Amino acid sequence: MRVVATTTDPVRLSFLRALLSDAGIETIVLDAHISAMEGGIGAFPRRLAVVTEDEQRARAVLREAGEAWA
């Protein structure tokens, strides 16, 4: 798995997942449980990951949408 984005914003996370899903790229949200445990205060970012084989394509999709992340 490769992390392609990180955010504390659940709306942005949903948007990024939708972008990648529309491109046929499956995602997994890492740290979702700790974010739920914190009570939604946004202290712990969630990481969006894809399988290693999809990393370059996922980054290209995010970059094209203006959502590039280093």
N, C-alpha and C. Protein backbone atom coordinates (compact mmCIF):
# COMPACT_ATOMS: atom_id res chain seq x y z
N MET A 1 0.84 -1.18 0.00
CA MET A 1 0.00 0.00 0.00
C MET A 1 0.88 1.24 0.00
N ARG A 2 0.42 2.25 -0.71
CA ARG A 2 1.12 3.54 -0.77
C ARG A 2 0.15 4.65 -0.42
N VAL A 3 0.57 5.54 0.45
CA VAL A 3 -0.25 6.68 0.83
C VAL A 3 -0.14 7.75 -0.26
N VAL A 4 -1.29 8.19 -0.74
CA VAL A 4 -1.31 9.22 -1.79
C VAL A 4 -1.90 10.54 -1.31
N ALA A 5 -2.50 10.54 -0.12
CA ALA A 5 -3.05 11.79 0.43
C ALA A 5 -3.24 11.63 1.93
N THR A 6 -3.24 12.75 2.61
CA THR A 6 -3.54 12.78 4.04
C THR A 6 -4.35 14.03 4.33
N THR A 7 -5.35 13.88 5.20
CA THR A 7 -6.21 15.02 5.50
C THR A 7 -6.97 14.80 6.80
N THR A 8 -7.34 15.89 7.43
CA THR A 8 -8.22 15.81 8.60
C THR A 8 -9.65 16.17 8.20
N ASP A 9 -9.86 16.51 6.95
CA ASP A 9 -11.16 16.93 6.45
C ASP A 9 -11.92 15.74 5.85
N PRO A 10 -12.98 15.27 6.49
CA PRO A 10 -13.71 14.11 5.97
C PRO A 10 -14.38 14.37 4.62
N VAL A 11 -14.75 15.60 4.35
CA VAL A 11 -15.36 15.92 3.06
C VAL A 11 -14.32 15.81 1.94
N ARG A 12 -13.12 16.33 2.19
CA ARG A 12 -12.05 16.22 1.19
C ARG A 12 -11.67 14.76 0.99
N LEU A 13 -11.62 14.00 2.05
CA LEU A 13 -11.29 12.58 1.95
C LEU A 13 -12.31 11.87 1.06
N SER A 14 -13.56 12.16 1.26
CA SER A 14 -14.61 11.56 0.45
C SER A 14 -14.47 11.96 -1.02
N PHE A 15 -14.14 13.23 -1.26
CA PHE A 15 -13.94 13.73 -2.62
C PHE A 15 -12.77 13.01 -3.30
N LEU A 16 -11.66 12.87 -2.58
CA LEU A 16 -10.49 12.19 -3.15
C LEU A 16 -10.80 10.73 -3.46
N ARG A 17 -11.52 10.09 -2.56
CA ARG A 17 -11.90 8.70 -2.80
C ARG A 17 -12.79 8.59 -4.04
N ALA A 18 -13.71 9.54 -4.21
CA ALA A 18 -14.60 9.53 -5.37
C ALA A 18 -13.80 9.74 -6.66
N LEU A 19 -12.85 10.66 -6.63
CA LEU A 19 -12.01 10.89 -7.82
C LEU A 19 -11.30 9.60 -8.23
N LEU A 20 -10.70 8.95 -7.26
CA LEU A 20 -9.95 7.73 -7.57
C LEU A 20 -10.87 6.58 -7.96
N SER A 21 -12.01 6.50 -7.31
CA SER A 21 -12.97 5.45 -7.66
C SER A 21 -13.46 5.61 -9.10
N ASP A 22 -13.73 6.86 -9.49
CA ASP A 22 -14.17 7.13 -10.86
C ASP A 22 -13.10 6.73 -11.89
N ALA A 23 -11.84 6.74 -11.46
CA ALA A 23 -10.74 6.34 -12.33
C ALA A 23 -10.47 4.84 -12.25
N GLY A 24 -11.29 4.13 -11.47
CA GLY A 24 -11.13 2.68 -11.35
C GLY A 24 -10.04 2.26 -10.37
N ILE A 25 -9.69 3.15 -9.45
CA ILE A 25 -8.63 2.87 -8.49
C ILE A 25 -9.26 2.66 -7.12
N GLU A 26 -9.03 1.48 -6.54
CA GLU A 26 -9.55 1.19 -5.21
C GLU A 26 -8.68 1.86 -4.15
N THR A 27 -9.33 2.33 -3.09
CA THR A 27 -8.61 3.01 -2.01
C THR A 27 -8.93 2.36 -0.67
N ILE A 28 -8.09 2.66 0.29
CA ILE A 28 -8.34 2.27 1.67
C ILE A 28 -7.97 3.46 2.54
N VAL A 29 -8.78 3.70 3.57
CA VAL A 29 -8.52 4.80 4.48
C VAL A 29 -7.81 4.24 5.71
N LEU A 30 -6.60 4.72 5.93
CA LEU A 30 -5.83 4.32 7.10
C LEU A 30 -6.08 5.33 8.22
N ASP A 31 -6.03 4.89 9.43
CA ASP A 31 -6.22 5.72 10.62
C ASP A 31 -7.67 6.15 10.82
N ALA A 32 -8.61 5.50 10.18
CA ALA A 32 -10.01 5.88 10.33
C ALA A 32 -10.49 5.61 11.75
N HIS A 33 -10.02 4.54 12.36
CA HIS A 33 -10.49 4.19 13.70
C HIS A 33 -9.99 5.18 14.75
N ILE A 34 -8.74 5.59 14.65
CA ILE A 34 -8.23 6.57 15.62
C ILE A 34 -8.95 7.90 15.45
N SER A 35 -9.26 8.25 14.21
CA SER A 35 -9.99 9.49 13.96
C SER A 35 -11.37 9.42 14.59
N ALA A 36 -12.00 8.25 14.56
CA ALA A 36 -13.31 8.09 15.18
C ALA A 36 -13.21 8.18 16.70
N MET A 37 -12.13 7.65 17.24
CA MET A 37 -11.95 7.64 18.69
C MET A 37 -11.68 9.05 19.24
N GLU A 38 -11.11 9.92 18.42
CA GLU A 38 -10.79 11.27 18.89
C GLU A 38 -12.02 12.15 19.03
N GLY A 39 -13.14 11.69 18.53
CA GLY A 39 -14.37 12.46 18.66
C GLY A 39 -14.58 13.49 17.58
N GLY A 40 -13.88 13.37 16.47
CA GLY A 40 -14.09 14.27 15.35
C GLY A 40 -13.48 15.64 15.50
N ILE A 41 -12.48 15.80 16.38
CA ILE A 41 -11.88 17.11 16.56
C ILE A 41 -10.81 17.43 15.51
N GLY A 42 -10.45 16.44 14.69
CA GLY A 42 -9.50 16.69 13.62
C GLY A 42 -8.05 16.68 14.03
N ALA A 43 -7.75 16.05 15.15
CA ALA A 43 -6.36 16.02 15.63
C ALA A 43 -5.51 14.99 14.90
N PHE A 44 -6.13 13.94 14.41
CA PHE A 44 -5.39 12.87 13.74
C PHE A 44 -5.81 12.79 12.28
N PRO A 45 -4.91 13.04 11.36
CA PRO A 45 -5.27 12.96 9.94
C PRO A 45 -5.50 11.52 9.51
N ARG A 46 -6.34 11.38 8.54
CA ARG A 46 -6.57 10.09 7.90
C ARG A 46 -5.68 10.03 6.66
N ARG A 47 -5.18 8.84 6.38
CA ARG A 47 -4.34 8.65 5.20
C ARG A 47 -5.10 7.84 4.16
N LEU A 48 -5.01 8.28 2.92
CA LEU A 48 -5.65 7.59 1.81
C LEU A 48 -4.59 6.80 1.06
N ALA A 49 -4.78 5.50 0.96
CA ALA A 49 -3.77 4.64 0.35
C ALA A 49 -4.35 3.85 -0.82
N VAL A 50 -3.46 3.49 -1.72
CA VAL A 50 -3.79 2.64 -2.87
C VAL A 50 -2.75 1.53 -2.95
N VAL A 51 -3.06 0.49 -3.72
CA VAL A 51 -2.06 -0.56 -3.90
C VAL A 51 -0.88 0.02 -4.67
N THR A 52 0.29 -0.52 -4.43
CA THR A 52 1.53 -0.01 -5.02
C THR A 52 1.44 0.13 -6.54
N GLU A 53 0.80 -0.82 -7.18
CA GLU A 53 0.70 -0.80 -8.65
C GLU A 53 -0.11 0.38 -9.18
N ASP A 54 -1.00 0.92 -8.36
CA ASP A 54 -1.85 2.04 -8.78
C ASP A 54 -1.33 3.40 -8.34
N GLU A 55 -0.21 3.44 -7.63
CA GLU A 55 0.27 4.70 -7.05
C GLU A 55 0.48 5.79 -8.10
N GLN A 56 1.21 5.51 -9.15
CA GLN A 56 1.51 6.54 -10.14
C GLN A 56 0.25 7.05 -10.82
N ARG A 57 -0.64 6.14 -11.16
CA ARG A 57 -1.89 6.54 -11.81
C ARG A 57 -2.75 7.36 -10.85
N ALA A 58 -2.79 6.96 -9.57
CA ALA A 58 -3.56 7.69 -8.57
C ALA A 58 -3.01 9.11 -8.40
N ARG A 59 -1.69 9.22 -8.32
CA ARG A 59 -1.09 10.55 -8.19
C ARG A 59 -1.39 11.42 -9.40
N ALA A 60 -1.41 10.81 -10.59
CA ALA A 60 -1.72 11.56 -11.81
C ALA A 60 -3.17 12.06 -11.77
N VAL A 61 -4.09 11.22 -11.32
CA VAL A 61 -5.50 11.62 -11.22
C VAL A 61 -5.64 12.77 -10.23
N LEU A 62 -5.00 12.66 -9.08
CA LEU A 62 -5.08 13.72 -8.07
C LEU A 62 -4.44 15.01 -8.56
N ARG A 63 -3.31 14.89 -9.25
CA ARG A 63 -2.62 16.07 -9.78
C ARG A 63 -3.50 16.78 -10.81
N GLU A 64 -4.12 16.00 -11.69
CA GLU A 64 -4.99 16.57 -12.72
C GLU A 64 -6.18 17.30 -12.11
N ALA A 65 -6.64 16.85 -10.95
CA ALA A 65 -7.76 17.48 -10.27
C ALA A 65 -7.34 18.62 -9.36
N GLY A 66 -6.03 18.91 -9.37
CA GLY A 66 -5.52 19.99 -8.50
C GLY A 66 -5.42 19.58 -7.05
N GLU A 67 -5.35 18.28 -6.80
CA GLU A 67 -5.29 17.76 -5.44
C GLU A 67 -3.99 17.01 -5.18
N ALA A 68 -2.92 17.43 -5.83
CA ALA A 68 -1.64 16.76 -5.66
C ALA A 68 -1.15 16.88 -4.24
N TRP A 69 -0.51 15.84 -3.77
CA TRP A 69 0.04 15.79 -2.41
C TRP A 69 1.44 15.21 -2.51
N ALA A 70 2.39 15.80 -1.83
CA ALA A 70 3.78 15.33 -1.91
C ALA A 70 3.96 14.05 -1.15
